[in-house]
Amino acid sequence: MDKVDKSIYIDLRAKELENMLLYRYLRLLEELKILESSIDSSDLSDEDKNKLKGLIEILEERILTELMNARDERERVDEILSRSHIPIEEIE
């Protein structure tokens, strides 16, 4: 595998991993929403419900922050790769 092939493979693999991570984060957010709904319909006291919902909100915010950071990092990587791009004419 030459340098270009390796570069393409690494980029494709990175995108696959990013997509997998995105899916997992979104699934986790979905699970937190389900949990929040079950808390609303539980027999817990209002105080306990509010505490649990507060924790869920913190988790959701952190997950969203991670998603935003991952997006920003990907944009930085894409920018670096675009500056170091080898024109197709030079590959042959």
C-alpha atoms as a PDB file:
ATOM      1  CA  MET A   1       0.000   0.000   0.000  1.00  0.00           C
ATOM      2  CA  ASP A   2       1.515   3.315  -1.023  1.00  0.00           C
ATOM      3  CA  LYS A   3       1.330   6.601   0.885  1.00  0.00           C
ATOM      4  CA  VAL A   4      -1.828   7.805  -0.851  1.00  0.00           C
ATOM      5  CA  ASP A   5      -3.642   4.508  -0.271  1.00  0.00           C
ATOM      6  CA  LYS A   6      -2.680   4.573   3.406  1.00  0.00           C
ATOM      7  CA  SER A   7      -3.847   8.159   3.727  1.00  0.00           C
ATOM      8  CA  ILE A   8      -7.203   7.348   2.128  1.00  0.00           C
ATOM      9  CA  TYR A   9      -7.594   4.235   4.285  1.00  0.00           C
ATOM     10  CA  ILE A  10      -6.804   6.166   7.471  1.00  0.00           C
ATOM     11  CA  ASP A  11      -9.250   8.917   6.541  1.00  0.00           C
ATOM     12  CA  LEU A  12     -12.028   6.427   5.749  1.00  0.00           C
ATOM     13  CA  ARG A  13     -11.393   4.516   8.964  1.00  0.00           C
ATOM     14  CA  ALA A  14     -11.458   7.750  10.968  1.00  0.00           C
ATOM     15  CA  LYS A  15     -14.803   8.657   9.419  1.00  0.00           C
ATOM     16  CA  GLU A  16     -16.195   5.200  10.227  1.00  0.00           C
ATOM     17  CA  LEU A  17     -15.120   5.569  13.845  1.00  0.00           C
ATOM     18  CA  GLU A  18     -16.575   9.072  14.031  1.00  0.00           C
ATOM     19  CA  ASN A  19     -19.890   7.823  12.670  1.00  0.00           C
ATOM     20  CA  MET A  20     -19.918   4.980  15.170  1.00  0.00           C
ATOM     21  CA  LEU A  21     -19.185   7.400  18.007  1.00  0.00           C
ATOM     22  CA  LEU A  22     -21.899   9.769  16.811  1.00  0.00           C
ATOM     23  CA  TYR A  23     -24.403   6.913  16.703  1.00  0.00           C
ATOM     24  CA  ARG A  24     -23.491   5.845  20.235  1.00  0.00           C
ATOM     25  CA  TYR A  25     -23.766   9.373  21.593  1.00  0.00           C
ATOM     26  CA  LEU A  26     -27.145   9.855  19.934  1.00  0.00           C
ATOM     27  CA  ARG A  27     -28.339   6.509  21.256  1.00  0.00           C
ATOM     28  CA  LEU A  28     -27.212   7.499  24.743  1.00  0.00           C
ATOM     29  CA  LEU A  29     -29.134  10.772  24.479  1.00  0.00           C
ATOM     30  CA  GLU A  30     -32.198   8.788  23.438  1.00  0.00           C
ATOM     31  CA  GLU A  31     -31.804   6.474  26.435  1.00  0.00           C
ATOM     32  CA  LEU A  32     -31.507   9.469  28.750  1.00  0.00           C
ATOM     33  CA  LYS A  33     -34.776  10.874  27.370  1.00  0.00           C
ATOM     34  CA  ILE A  34     -36.471   7.527  28.023  1.00  0.00           C
ATOM     35  CA  LEU A  35     -35.062   7.487  31.545  1.00  0.00           C
ATOM     36  CA  GLU A  36     -36.275  11.036  32.131  1.00  0.00           C
ATOM     37  CA  SER A  37     -39.750  10.029  31.004  1.00  0.00           C
ATOM     38  CA  SER A  38     -39.791   7.060  33.369  1.00  0.00           C
ATOM     39  CA  ILE A  39     -38.714   9.319  36.220  1.00  0.00           C
ATOM     40  CA  ASP A  40     -41.678  11.600  35.517  1.00  0.00           C
ATOM     41  CA  SER A  41     -44.086   8.703  35.855  1.00  0.00           C
ATOM     42  CA  SER A  42     -42.384   7.148  38.889  1.00  0.00           C
ATOM     43  CA  ASP A  43     -43.494   7.192  42.521  1.00  0.00           C
ATOM     44  CA  LEU A  44     -40.436   9.178  43.575  1.00  0.00           C
ATOM     45  CA  SER A  45     -40.818  12.392  45.495  1.00  0.00           C
ATOM     46  CA  ASP A  46     -40.689  15.624  43.510  1.00  0.00           C
ATOM     47  CA  GLU A  47     -37.359  16.420  45.157  1.00  0.00           C
ATOM     48  CA  ASP A  48     -35.835  13.104  44.043  1.00  0.00           C
ATOM     49  CA  LYS A  49     -37.290  13.499  40.556  1.00  0.00           C
ATOM     50  CA  ASN A  50     -35.758  16.956  40.247  1.00  0.00           C
ATOM     51  CA  LYS A  51     -32.364  15.711  41.439  1.00  0.00           C
ATOM     52  CA  LEU A  52     -32.353  12.850  38.943  1.00  0.00           C
ATOM     53  CA  LYS A  53     -33.537  15.071  36.126  1.00  0.00           C
ATOM     54  CA  GLY A  54     -30.787  17.537  37.021  1.00  0.00           C
ATOM     55  CA  LEU A  55     -28.201  14.773  36.711  1.00  0.00           C
ATOM     56  CA  ILE A  56     -29.651  13.707  33.378  1.00  0.00           C
ATOM     57  CA  GLU A  57     -29.465  17.293  32.148  1.00  0.00           C
ATOM     58  CA  ILE A  58     -25.788  17.475  33.135  1.00  0.00           C
ATOM     59  CA  LEU A  59     -25.089  14.238  31.258  1.00  0.00           C
ATOM     60  CA  GLU A  60     -26.940  15.493  28.185  1.00  0.00           C
ATOM     61  CA  GLU A  61     -24.972  18.747  28.211  1.00  0.00           C
ATOM     62  CA  ARG A  62     -21.669  16.885  28.472  1.00  0.00           C
ATOM     63  CA  ILE A  63     -22.596  14.557  25.639  1.00  0.00           C
ATOM     64  CA  LEU A  64     -23.579  17.501  23.446  1.00  0.00           C
ATOM     65  CA  THR A  65     -20.306  19.231  24.338  1.00  0.00           C
ATOM     66  CA  GLU A  66     -18.379  16.113  23.309  1.00  0.00           C
ATOM     67  CA  LEU A  67     -20.273  16.007  20.016  1.00  0.00           C
ATOM     68  CA  MET A  68     -19.480  19.656  19.335  1.00  0.00           C
ATOM     69  CA  ASN A  69     -15.812  19.140  20.225  1.00  0.00           C
ATOM     70  CA  ALA A  70     -15.623  16.124  17.911  1.00  0.00           C
ATOM     71  CA  ARG A  71     -17.152  18.161  15.091  1.00  0.00           C
ATOM     72  CA  ASP A  72     -14.700  21.008  15.672  1.00  0.00           C
ATOM     73  CA  GLU A  73     -11.775  18.587  15.741  1.00  0.00           C
ATOM     74  CA  ARG A  74     -12.933  16.987  12.489  1.00  0.00           C
ATOM     75  CA  GLU A  75     -13.151  20.420  10.868  1.00  0.00           C
ATOM     76  CA  ARG A  76      -9.581  21.177  11.989  1.00  0.00           C
ATOM     77  CA  VAL A  77      -8.355  17.852  10.611  1.00  0.00           C
ATOM     78  CA  ASP A  78     -10.173  18.429   7.321  1.00  0.00           C
ATOM     79  CA  GLU A  79      -8.588  21.884   7.075  1.00  0.00           C
ATOM     80  CA  ILE A  80      -5.110  20.459   7.684  1.00  0.00           C
ATOM     81  CA  LEU A  81      -5.698  17.686   5.157  1.00  0.00           C
ATOM     82  CA  SER A  82      -6.987  20.132   2.557  1.00  0.00           C
ATOM     83  CA  ARG A  83      -3.804  22.205   2.919  1.00  0.00           C
ATOM     84  CA  SER A  84      -1.618  19.130   2.520  1.00  0.00           C
ATOM     85  CA  HIS A  85      -3.700  17.688  -0.317  1.00  0.00           C
ATOM     86  CA  ILE A  86      -1.713  16.180  -3.165  1.00  0.00           C
ATOM     87  CA  PRO A  87      -3.207  17.035  -6.561  1.00  0.00           C
ATOM     88  CA  ILE A  88      -4.284  13.938  -8.498  1.00  0.00           C
ATOM     89  CA  GLU A  89      -1.853  14.811 -11.299  1.00  0.00           C
ATOM     90  CA  GLU A  90       1.082  14.438  -8.914  1.00  0.00           C
ATOM     91  CA  ILE A  91      -0.005  11.031  -7.603  1.00  0.00           C
ATOM     92  CA  GLU A  92       0.839   9.205 -10.836  1.00  0.00           C
END
